[in-house]
Amino acid sequence: MENKIDYNNWTEKQLLSLKHNNPEGVFLRYVNKKPVTFSKREFLFSWINPKKDDFILECGSSSGVTCIHLVKNSGCCALGIDFDPVAIEVSNKMRDKFFPELKNKCHFVKDNLETMKFLPNITKIIMPDFTEHIPDKVFSRILDNIKKQLGHVTLYIYTPPRENILEMMRRKNFILKRTEGHINLKTSAELKNFIESRGWKIIESGWNYHYHPCIRMIEKLFYHLPFLKNFFQRKITLIAVPNEMTVH
């Protein structure tokens, strides 16, 4: 049975109490190049395509490995923001332990994305596996705050779609265990409509597949079947810019 709780009225403390991932465990899996963690970062790097002069802000940086991977492989600068002080502590500690050479280019800070003052030289904002963890009220305020301050920025969203078969199984607690932190899964159409309703223009949308070769092969096979394709698309990939921005 699906959870019908209205998370829009939850406090930050209540949202923080939901079970999310283990930041230190994720970081160690990245260091050890475990496919479940490392392959995601390789895809994100290719998709976001960071340049040396980019300054990238990650919303909900958690373990910090996405920022680490982008900076390590491109020379860009990155700032990870999370509202969980434990995640920020882990990110900074693990960066200093495994990648001390990145300390001047990769930082992690606890802050509130709804109200924080952004540095004006931020070029890209990324939300990898972030939007499904926040209610619409919070999501809307974050989008508005970014748009108000950074009219030039490019936004990258990477999130599981509500209609994906694995996510459906988790919501029903059927074979797979419910992911407690996934409180706001949207279909691709719902996500696009929500982004556009907040004054953003979508310039690219697509999909990414599962990291495991066998599952990825099945997903790509079903992708060509009109009535089943949405059930087997693993992640939504969406790029947007503020509506006032001129897209070249």
C-alpha atoms as a PDB file:
ATOM      1  CA  MET A   1       0.000   0.000   0.000  1.00  0.00           C
ATOM      2  CA  GLU A   2       1.352   3.431  -0.937  1.00  0.00           C
ATOM      3  CA  ASN A   3       2.116   6.025   1.695  1.00  0.00           C
ATOM      4  CA  LYS A   4      -0.337   8.961   1.417  1.00  0.00           C
ATOM      5  CA  ILE A   5       1.400  11.284   3.873  1.00  0.00           C
ATOM      6  CA  ASP A   6       1.448  14.964   2.888  1.00  0.00           C
ATOM      7  CA  TYR A   7       5.131  15.803   3.327  1.00  0.00           C
ATOM      8  CA  ASN A   8       4.599  19.460   2.403  1.00  0.00           C
ATOM      9  CA  ASN A   9       3.808  20.230   6.036  1.00  0.00           C
ATOM     10  CA  TRP A  10       6.817  18.393   7.444  1.00  0.00           C
ATOM     11  CA  THR A  11       9.584  20.294   9.188  1.00  0.00           C
ATOM     12  CA  GLU A  12      13.253  20.034   8.189  1.00  0.00           C
ATOM     13  CA  LYS A  13      13.815  17.868  11.270  1.00  0.00           C
ATOM     14  CA  GLN A  14      11.064  15.457  10.219  1.00  0.00           C
ATOM     15  CA  LEU A  15      12.386  15.228   6.655  1.00  0.00           C
ATOM     16  CA  LEU A  16      15.873  14.600   8.002  1.00  0.00           C
ATOM     17  CA  SER A  17      14.536  11.716  10.100  1.00  0.00           C
ATOM     18  CA  LEU A  18      13.618   9.757   6.952  1.00  0.00           C
ATOM     19  CA  LYS A  19      16.046   7.016   6.077  1.00  0.00           C
ATOM     20  CA  HIS A  20      18.358   8.044   3.239  1.00  0.00           C
ATOM     21  CA  ASN A  21      21.638   6.454   2.134  1.00  0.00           C
ATOM     22  CA  ASN A  22      24.763   5.924   4.224  1.00  0.00           C
ATOM     23  CA  PRO A  23      27.178   8.711   3.119  1.00  0.00           C
ATOM     24  CA  GLU A  24      30.333   7.007   4.332  1.00  0.00           C
ATOM     25  CA  GLY A  25      29.330   3.682   2.783  1.00  0.00           C
ATOM     26  CA  VAL A  26      28.626   5.349  -0.565  1.00  0.00           C
ATOM     27  CA  PHE A  27      31.984   7.136  -0.464  1.00  0.00           C
ATOM     28  CA  LEU A  28      33.856   3.894   0.219  1.00  0.00           C
ATOM     29  CA  ARG A  29      32.014   2.145  -2.624  1.00  0.00           C
ATOM     30  CA  TYR A  30      33.099   4.977  -4.906  1.00  0.00           C
ATOM     31  CA  VAL A  31      36.728   4.735  -3.784  1.00  0.00           C
ATOM     32  CA  ASN A  32      36.618   0.985  -4.424  1.00  0.00           C
ATOM     33  CA  LYS A  33      34.972   1.589  -7.831  1.00  0.00           C
ATOM     34  CA  LYS A  34      31.910  -0.518  -7.084  1.00  0.00           C
ATOM     35  CA  PRO A  35      29.685  -0.418 -10.208  1.00  0.00           C
ATOM     36  CA  VAL A  36      26.537   0.593  -8.313  1.00  0.00           C
ATOM     37  CA  THR A  37      28.209   3.856  -7.250  1.00  0.00           C
ATOM     38  CA  PHE A  38      31.042   4.478  -9.717  1.00  0.00           C
ATOM     39  CA  SER A  39      29.058   3.958 -12.931  1.00  0.00           C
ATOM     40  CA  LYS A  40      26.534   6.605 -11.913  1.00  0.00           C
ATOM     41  CA  ARG A  41      29.314   9.175 -11.519  1.00  0.00           C
ATOM     42  CA  GLU A  42      30.824   8.255 -14.859  1.00  0.00           C
ATOM     43  CA  PHE A  43      27.466   8.828 -16.536  1.00  0.00           C
ATOM     44  CA  LEU A  44      26.910  12.121 -14.715  1.00  0.00           C
ATOM     45  CA  PHE A  45      30.360  13.328 -15.739  1.00  0.00           C
ATOM     46  CA  SER A  46      29.682  12.547 -19.397  1.00  0.00           C
ATOM     47  CA  TRP A  47      26.213  14.108 -19.275  1.00  0.00           C
ATOM     48  CA  ILE A  48      27.046  17.280 -17.317  1.00  0.00           C
ATOM     49  CA  ASN A  49      30.314  17.683 -19.252  1.00  0.00           C
ATOM     50  CA  PRO A  50      32.120  19.918 -16.747  1.00  0.00           C
ATOM     51  CA  LYS A  51      34.799  22.292 -18.006  1.00  0.00           C
ATOM     52  CA  LYS A  52      37.801  23.586 -16.098  1.00  0.00           C
ATOM     53  CA  ASP A  53      36.229  27.034 -15.729  1.00  0.00           C
ATOM     54  CA  ASP A  54      32.884  25.687 -14.451  1.00  0.00           C
ATOM     55  CA  PHE A  55      31.743  26.287 -10.891  1.00  0.00           C
ATOM     56  CA  ILE A  56      29.194  23.587 -10.086  1.00  0.00           C
ATOM     57  CA  LEU A  57      26.799  23.524  -7.147  1.00  0.00           C
ATOM     58  CA  GLU A  58      25.253  20.206  -6.131  1.00  0.00           C
ATOM     59  CA  CYS A  59      21.911  20.196  -4.304  1.00  0.00           C
ATOM     60  CA  GLY A  60      21.750  17.482  -1.664  1.00  0.00           C
ATOM     61  CA  SER A  61      25.378  16.404  -2.018  1.00  0.00           C
ATOM     62  CA  SER A  62      25.092  13.641   0.621  1.00  0.00           C
ATOM     63  CA  SER A  63      28.331  11.573   0.427  1.00  0.00           C
ATOM     64  CA  GLY A  64      30.002  14.153  -1.819  1.00  0.00           C
ATOM     65  CA  VAL A  65      31.298  11.693  -4.397  1.00  0.00           C
ATOM     66  CA  THR A  66      29.561  13.354  -7.350  1.00  0.00           C
ATOM     67  CA  CYS A  67      31.364  16.642  -6.666  1.00  0.00           C
ATOM     68  CA  ILE A  68      34.600  14.754  -6.068  1.00  0.00           C
ATOM     69  CA  HIS A  69      34.310  12.904  -9.381  1.00  0.00           C
ATOM     70  CA  LEU A  70      33.531  16.050 -11.381  1.00  0.00           C
ATOM     71  CA  VAL A  71      36.402  18.050  -9.889  1.00  0.00           C
ATOM     72  CA  LYS A  72      38.914  15.192 -10.030  1.00  0.00           C
ATOM     73  CA  ASN A  73      38.310  14.541 -13.712  1.00  0.00           C
ATOM     74  CA  SER A  74      37.800  18.051 -15.077  1.00  0.00           C
ATOM     75  CA  GLY A  75      39.595  20.500 -12.800  1.00  0.00           C
ATOM     76  CA  CYS A  76      36.382  22.470 -12.234  1.00  0.00           C
ATOM     77  CA  CYS A  77      35.311  23.847  -8.844  1.00  0.00           C
ATOM     78  CA  ALA A  78      32.360  22.368  -6.959  1.00  0.00           C
ATOM     79  CA  LEU A  79      30.288  23.177  -3.902  1.00  0.00           C
ATOM     80  CA  GLY A  80      28.089  20.542  -2.277  1.00  0.00           C
ATOM     81  CA  ILE A  81      25.113  21.708  -0.195  1.00  0.00           C
ATOM     82  CA  ASP A  82      23.178  19.447   2.158  1.00  0.00           C
ATOM     83  CA  PHE A  83      20.876  20.079   5.109  1.00  0.00           C
ATOM     84  CA  ASP A  84      22.237  17.034   6.946  1.00  0.00           C
ATOM     85  CA  PRO A  85      25.216  18.017   9.129  1.00  0.00           C
ATOM     86  CA  VAL A  86      26.351  14.387   9.332  1.00  0.00           C
ATOM     87  CA  ALA A  87      26.568  14.124   5.527  1.00  0.00           C
ATOM     88  CA  ILE A  88      28.605  17.340   5.366  1.00  0.00           C
ATOM     89  CA  GLU A  89      30.959  16.128   8.081  1.00  0.00           C
ATOM     90  CA  VAL A  90      31.459  12.807   6.285  1.00  0.00           C
ATOM     91  CA  SER A  91      32.014  14.481   2.896  1.00  0.00           C
ATOM     92  CA  ASN A  92      34.717  16.801   4.173  1.00  0.00           C
ATOM     93  CA  LYS A  93      36.390  14.077   6.234  1.00  0.00           C
ATOM     94  CA  MET A  94      36.458  11.557   3.392  1.00  0.00           C
ATOM     95  CA  ARG A  95      37.642  14.167   0.868  1.00  0.00           C
ATOM     96  CA  ASP A  96      40.543  15.065   3.145  1.00  0.00           C
ATOM     97  CA  LYS A  97      41.395  11.397   3.657  1.00  0.00           C
ATOM     98  CA  PHE A  98      41.215  10.131   0.077  1.00  0.00           C
ATOM     99  CA  PHE A  99      41.476  13.249  -2.128  1.00  0.00           C
ATOM    100  CA  PRO A 100      43.347  15.937  -0.125  1.00  0.00           C
ATOM    101  CA  GLU A 101      44.568  17.525  -3.361  1.00  0.00           C
ATOM    102  CA  LEU A 102      40.961  18.608  -4.083  1.00  0.00           C
ATOM    103  CA  LYS A 103      40.507  20.545  -0.842  1.00  0.00           C
ATOM    104  CA  ASN A 104      40.868  23.963  -2.503  1.00  0.00           C
ATOM    105  CA  LYS A 105      38.429  23.203  -5.332  1.00  0.00           C
ATOM    106  CA  CYS A 106      35.760  21.020  -3.723  1.00  0.00           C
ATOM    107  CA  HIS A 107      33.833  22.142  -0.634  1.00  0.00           C
ATOM    108  CA  PHE A 108      30.848  20.847   1.317  1.00  0.00           C
ATOM    109  CA  VAL A 109      28.630  23.130   3.403  1.00  0.00           C
ATOM    110  CA  LYS A 110      25.418  22.745   5.392  1.00  0.00           C
ATOM    111  CA  ASP A 111      22.877  25.301   4.173  1.00  0.00           C
ATOM    112  CA  ASN A 112      19.246  25.811   3.188  1.00  0.00           C
ATOM    113  CA  LEU A 113      18.797  25.857  -0.594  1.00  0.00           C
ATOM    114  CA  GLU A 114      15.425  27.616  -0.213  1.00  0.00           C
ATOM    115  CA  THR A 115      16.956  30.749   1.286  1.00  0.00           C
ATOM    116  CA  MET A 116      20.744  30.674   0.852  1.00  0.00           C
ATOM    117  CA  LYS A 117      22.696  33.351  -1.028  1.00  0.00           C
ATOM    118  CA  PHE A 118      24.391  31.804  -4.057  1.00  0.00           C
ATOM    119  CA  LEU A 119      27.808  32.797  -5.336  1.00  0.00           C
ATOM    120  CA  PRO A 120      27.282  34.692  -8.623  1.00  0.00           C
ATOM    121  CA  ASN A 121      29.930  32.740 -10.555  1.00  0.00           C
ATOM    122  CA  ILE A 122      28.081  29.413 -10.303  1.00  0.00           C
ATOM    123  CA  THR A 123      27.641  28.103 -13.866  1.00  0.00           C
ATOM    124  CA  LYS A 124      25.796  24.811 -13.354  1.00  0.00           C
ATOM    125  CA  ILE A 125      23.494  23.468 -10.650  1.00  0.00           C
ATOM    126  CA  ILE A 126      23.007  19.721 -10.433  1.00  0.00           C
ATOM    127  CA  MET A 127      20.317  17.681  -8.681  1.00  0.00           C
ATOM    128  CA  PRO A 128      21.337  14.029  -8.992  1.00  0.00           C
ATOM    129  CA  ASP A 129      18.909  11.785  -7.085  1.00  0.00           C
ATOM    130  CA  PHE A 130      17.702  14.794  -5.123  1.00  0.00           C
ATOM    131  CA  THR A 131      14.219  15.905  -6.177  1.00  0.00           C
ATOM    132  CA  GLU A 132      12.561  12.626  -5.158  1.00  0.00           C
ATOM    133  CA  HIS A 133      13.650  13.303  -1.555  1.00  0.00           C
ATOM    134  CA  ILE A 134      11.933  16.683  -1.120  1.00  0.00           C
ATOM    135  CA  PRO A 135       8.240  17.716  -1.105  1.00  0.00           C
ATOM    136  CA  ASP A 136       6.861  20.062  -3.768  1.00  0.00           C
ATOM    137  CA  LYS A 137       6.777  23.003  -1.359  1.00  0.00           C
ATOM    138  CA  VAL A 138      10.533  22.758  -0.801  1.00  0.00           C
ATOM    139  CA  PHE A 139      11.292  21.962  -4.448  1.00  0.00           C
ATOM    140  CA  SER A 140       9.341  25.008  -5.594  1.00  0.00           C
ATOM    141  CA  ARG A 141      11.131  27.356  -3.202  1.00  0.00           C
ATOM    142  CA  ILE A 142      14.530  26.037  -4.235  1.00  0.00           C
ATOM    143  CA  LEU A 143      13.765  26.552  -7.934  1.00  0.00           C
ATOM    144  CA  ASP A 144      12.486  30.069  -7.236  1.00  0.00           C
ATOM    145  CA  ASN A 145      15.553  30.974  -5.175  1.00  0.00           C
ATOM    146  CA  ILE A 146      17.931  29.737  -7.861  1.00  0.00           C
ATOM    147  CA  LYS A 147      16.059  31.489 -10.662  1.00  0.00           C
ATOM    148  CA  LYS A 148      15.876  34.774  -8.744  1.00  0.00           C
ATOM    149  CA  GLN A 149      19.632  34.926  -8.169  1.00  0.00           C
ATOM    150  CA  LEU A 150      21.178  33.006 -11.057  1.00  0.00           C
ATOM    151  CA  GLY A 151      19.384  33.900 -14.257  1.00  0.00           C
ATOM    152  CA  HIS A 152      22.302  32.533 -16.310  1.00  0.00           C
ATOM    153  CA  VAL A 153      22.605  29.094 -14.713  1.00  0.00           C
ATOM    154  CA  THR A 154      21.974  25.669 -16.274  1.00  0.00           C
ATOM    155  CA  LEU A 155      20.098  23.126 -14.157  1.00  0.00           C
ATOM    156  CA  TYR A 156      20.629  19.350 -14.417  1.00  0.00           C
ATOM    157  CA  ILE A 157      18.071  16.983 -12.839  1.00  0.00           C
ATOM    158  CA  TYR A 158      18.628  13.225 -12.582  1.00  0.00           C
ATOM    159  CA  THR A 159      15.885  11.268 -10.816  1.00  0.00           C
ATOM    160  CA  PRO A 160      13.964   7.971 -10.972  1.00  0.00           C
ATOM    161  CA  PRO A 161      10.542   8.199 -12.653  1.00  0.00           C
ATOM    162  CA  ARG A 162       7.470   7.205 -10.697  1.00  0.00           C
ATOM    163  CA  GLU A 163       6.359   4.735 -13.376  1.00  0.00           C
ATOM    164  CA  ASN A 164       9.610   2.724 -13.369  1.00  0.00           C
ATOM    165  CA  ILE A 165       8.824  -0.897 -12.535  1.00  0.00           C
ATOM    166  CA  LEU A 166      11.463  -1.150  -9.796  1.00  0.00           C
ATOM    167  CA  GLU A 167      10.139   1.984  -8.086  1.00  0.00           C
ATOM    168  CA  MET A 168       6.595   0.622  -8.335  1.00  0.00           C
ATOM    169  CA  MET A 169       7.696  -2.619  -6.677  1.00  0.00           C
ATOM    170  CA  ARG A 170       9.384  -0.670  -3.882  1.00  0.00           C
ATOM    171  CA  ARG A 171       6.287   1.446  -3.228  1.00  0.00           C
ATOM    172  CA  LYS A 172       4.231  -1.747  -2.912  1.00  0.00           C
ATOM    173  CA  ASN A 173       6.905  -3.495  -0.821  1.00  0.00           C
ATOM    174  CA  PHE A 174       6.761  -6.272  -3.406  1.00  0.00           C
ATOM    175  CA  ILE A 175      10.050  -8.212  -3.462  1.00  0.00           C
ATOM    176  CA  LEU A 176      12.020  -4.953  -3.161  1.00  0.00           C
ATOM    177  CA  LYS A 177      12.048  -2.962   0.078  1.00  0.00           C
ATOM    178  CA  ARG A 178      10.350   0.437   0.147  1.00  0.00           C
ATOM    179  CA  THR A 179      12.775   3.352  -0.203  1.00  0.00           C
ATOM    180  CA  GLU A 180      11.674   5.525   2.696  1.00  0.00           C
ATOM    181  CA  GLY A 181      13.357   8.683   1.429  1.00  0.00           C
ATOM    182  CA  HIS A 182      11.595   8.605  -1.968  1.00  0.00           C
ATOM    183  CA  ILE A 183       8.672  10.815  -0.974  1.00  0.00           C
ATOM    184  CA  ASN A 184       8.121  12.722  -4.229  1.00  0.00           C
ATOM    185  CA  LEU A 185       8.608  10.546  -7.275  1.00  0.00           C
ATOM    186  CA  LYS A 186       7.135  12.055 -10.435  1.00  0.00           C
ATOM    187  CA  THR A 187       6.494  10.800 -13.938  1.00  0.00           C
ATOM    188  CA  SER A 188       8.528  12.469 -16.651  1.00  0.00           C
ATOM    189  CA  ALA A 189       5.511  14.536 -17.720  1.00  0.00           C
ATOM    190  CA  GLU A 190       4.772  15.613 -14.138  1.00  0.00           C
ATOM    191  CA  LEU A 191       8.372  16.670 -13.578  1.00  0.00           C
ATOM    192  CA  LYS A 192       8.489  18.688 -16.802  1.00  0.00           C
ATOM    193  CA  ASN A 193       5.206  20.414 -15.981  1.00  0.00           C
ATOM    194  CA  PHE A 194       6.395  21.250 -12.480  1.00  0.00           C
ATOM    195  CA  ILE A 195       9.700  22.714 -13.696  1.00  0.00           C
ATOM    196  CA  GLU A 196       7.985  24.780 -16.382  1.00  0.00           C
ATOM    197  CA  SER A 197       5.365  26.043 -13.906  1.00  0.00           C
ATOM    198  CA  ARG A 198       8.186  27.603 -11.856  1.00  0.00           C
ATOM    199  CA  GLY A 199       9.460  29.661 -14.808  1.00  0.00           C
ATOM    200  CA  TRP A 200      12.084  27.320 -16.257  1.00  0.00           C
ATOM    201  CA  LYS A 201      12.557  26.280 -19.871  1.00  0.00           C
ATOM    202  CA  ILE A 202      13.455  22.635 -20.560  1.00  0.00           C
ATOM    203  CA  ILE A 203      16.144  22.452 -23.231  1.00  0.00           C
ATOM    204  CA  GLU A 204      16.827  18.701 -23.104  1.00  0.00           C
ATOM    205  CA  SER A 205      15.168  15.616 -21.652  1.00  0.00           C
ATOM    206  CA  GLY A 206      16.003  11.941 -21.891  1.00  0.00           C
ATOM    207  CA  TRP A 207      16.707   8.756 -19.961  1.00  0.00           C
ATOM    208  CA  ASN A 208      19.539   6.760 -18.464  1.00  0.00           C
ATOM    209  CA  TYR A 209      19.565   3.026 -17.880  1.00  0.00           C
ATOM    210  CA  HIS A 210      20.523   0.668 -15.077  1.00  0.00           C
ATOM    211  CA  TYR A 211      24.226   0.156 -14.343  1.00  0.00           C
ATOM    212  CA  HIS A 212      23.997  -3.661 -14.506  1.00  0.00           C
ATOM    213  CA  PRO A 213      24.588  -4.875 -18.114  1.00  0.00           C
ATOM    214  CA  CYS A 214      21.838  -7.525 -18.054  1.00  0.00           C
ATOM    215  CA  ILE A 215      19.177  -5.218 -16.627  1.00  0.00           C
ATOM    216  CA  ARG A 216      20.288  -2.442 -18.976  1.00  0.00           C
ATOM    217  CA  MET A 217      19.874  -4.787 -21.951  1.00  0.00           C
ATOM    218  CA  ILE A 218      16.298  -5.606 -20.874  1.00  0.00           C
ATOM    219  CA  GLU A 219      15.500  -1.917 -20.363  1.00  0.00           C
ATOM    220  CA  LYS A 220      16.784  -1.010 -23.819  1.00  0.00           C
ATOM    221  CA  LEU A 221      14.784  -3.866 -25.356  1.00  0.00           C
ATOM    222  CA  PHE A 222      11.518  -2.710 -23.800  1.00  0.00           C
ATOM    223  CA  TYR A 223      12.287   0.922 -24.642  1.00  0.00           C
ATOM    224  CA  HIS A 224      11.162   0.195 -28.209  1.00  0.00           C
ATOM    225  CA  LEU A 225       7.735  -1.074 -27.101  1.00  0.00           C
ATOM    226  CA  PRO A 226       5.331   1.910 -26.844  1.00  0.00           C
ATOM    227  CA  PHE A 227       3.092   0.460 -24.109  1.00  0.00           C
ATOM    228  CA  LEU A 228       5.923  -0.768 -21.896  1.00  0.00           C
ATOM    229  CA  LYS A 229       8.812   1.659 -22.422  1.00  0.00           C
ATOM    230  CA  ASN A 230       7.933   3.941 -19.480  1.00  0.00           C
ATOM    231  CA  PHE A 231       8.087   1.031 -17.036  1.00  0.00           C
ATOM    232  CA  PHE A 232      11.691   0.273 -17.969  1.00  0.00           C
ATOM    233  CA  GLN A 233      13.255   3.721 -18.151  1.00  0.00           C
ATOM    234  CA  ARG A 234      15.461   3.887 -15.085  1.00  0.00           C
ATOM    235  CA  LYS A 235      16.325   7.577 -14.650  1.00  0.00           C
ATOM    236  CA  ILE A 236      14.977  10.833 -16.017  1.00  0.00           C
ATOM    237  CA  THR A 237      17.660  13.192 -17.326  1.00  0.00           C
ATOM    238  CA  LEU A 238      16.506  16.774 -17.710  1.00  0.00           C
ATOM    239  CA  ILE A 239      18.313  20.044 -18.441  1.00  0.00           C
ATOM    240  CA  ALA A 240      16.616  23.410 -17.903  1.00  0.00           C
ATOM    241  CA  VAL A 241      17.420  27.117 -17.854  1.00  0.00           C
ATOM    242  CA  PRO A 242      15.499  30.110 -16.458  1.00  0.00           C
ATOM    243  CA  ASN A 243      12.854  31.269 -18.912  1.00  0.00           C
ATOM    244  CA  GLU A 244      14.419  34.702 -19.329  1.00  0.00           C
ATOM    245  CA  MET A 245      17.738  33.217 -20.394  1.00  0.00           C
ATOM    246  CA  THR A 246      18.558  33.272 -24.097  1.00  0.00           C
ATOM    247  CA  VAL A 247      19.464  29.770 -25.250  1.00  0.00           C
ATOM    248  CA  HIS A 248      22.088  29.576 -28.008  1.00  0.00           C
END
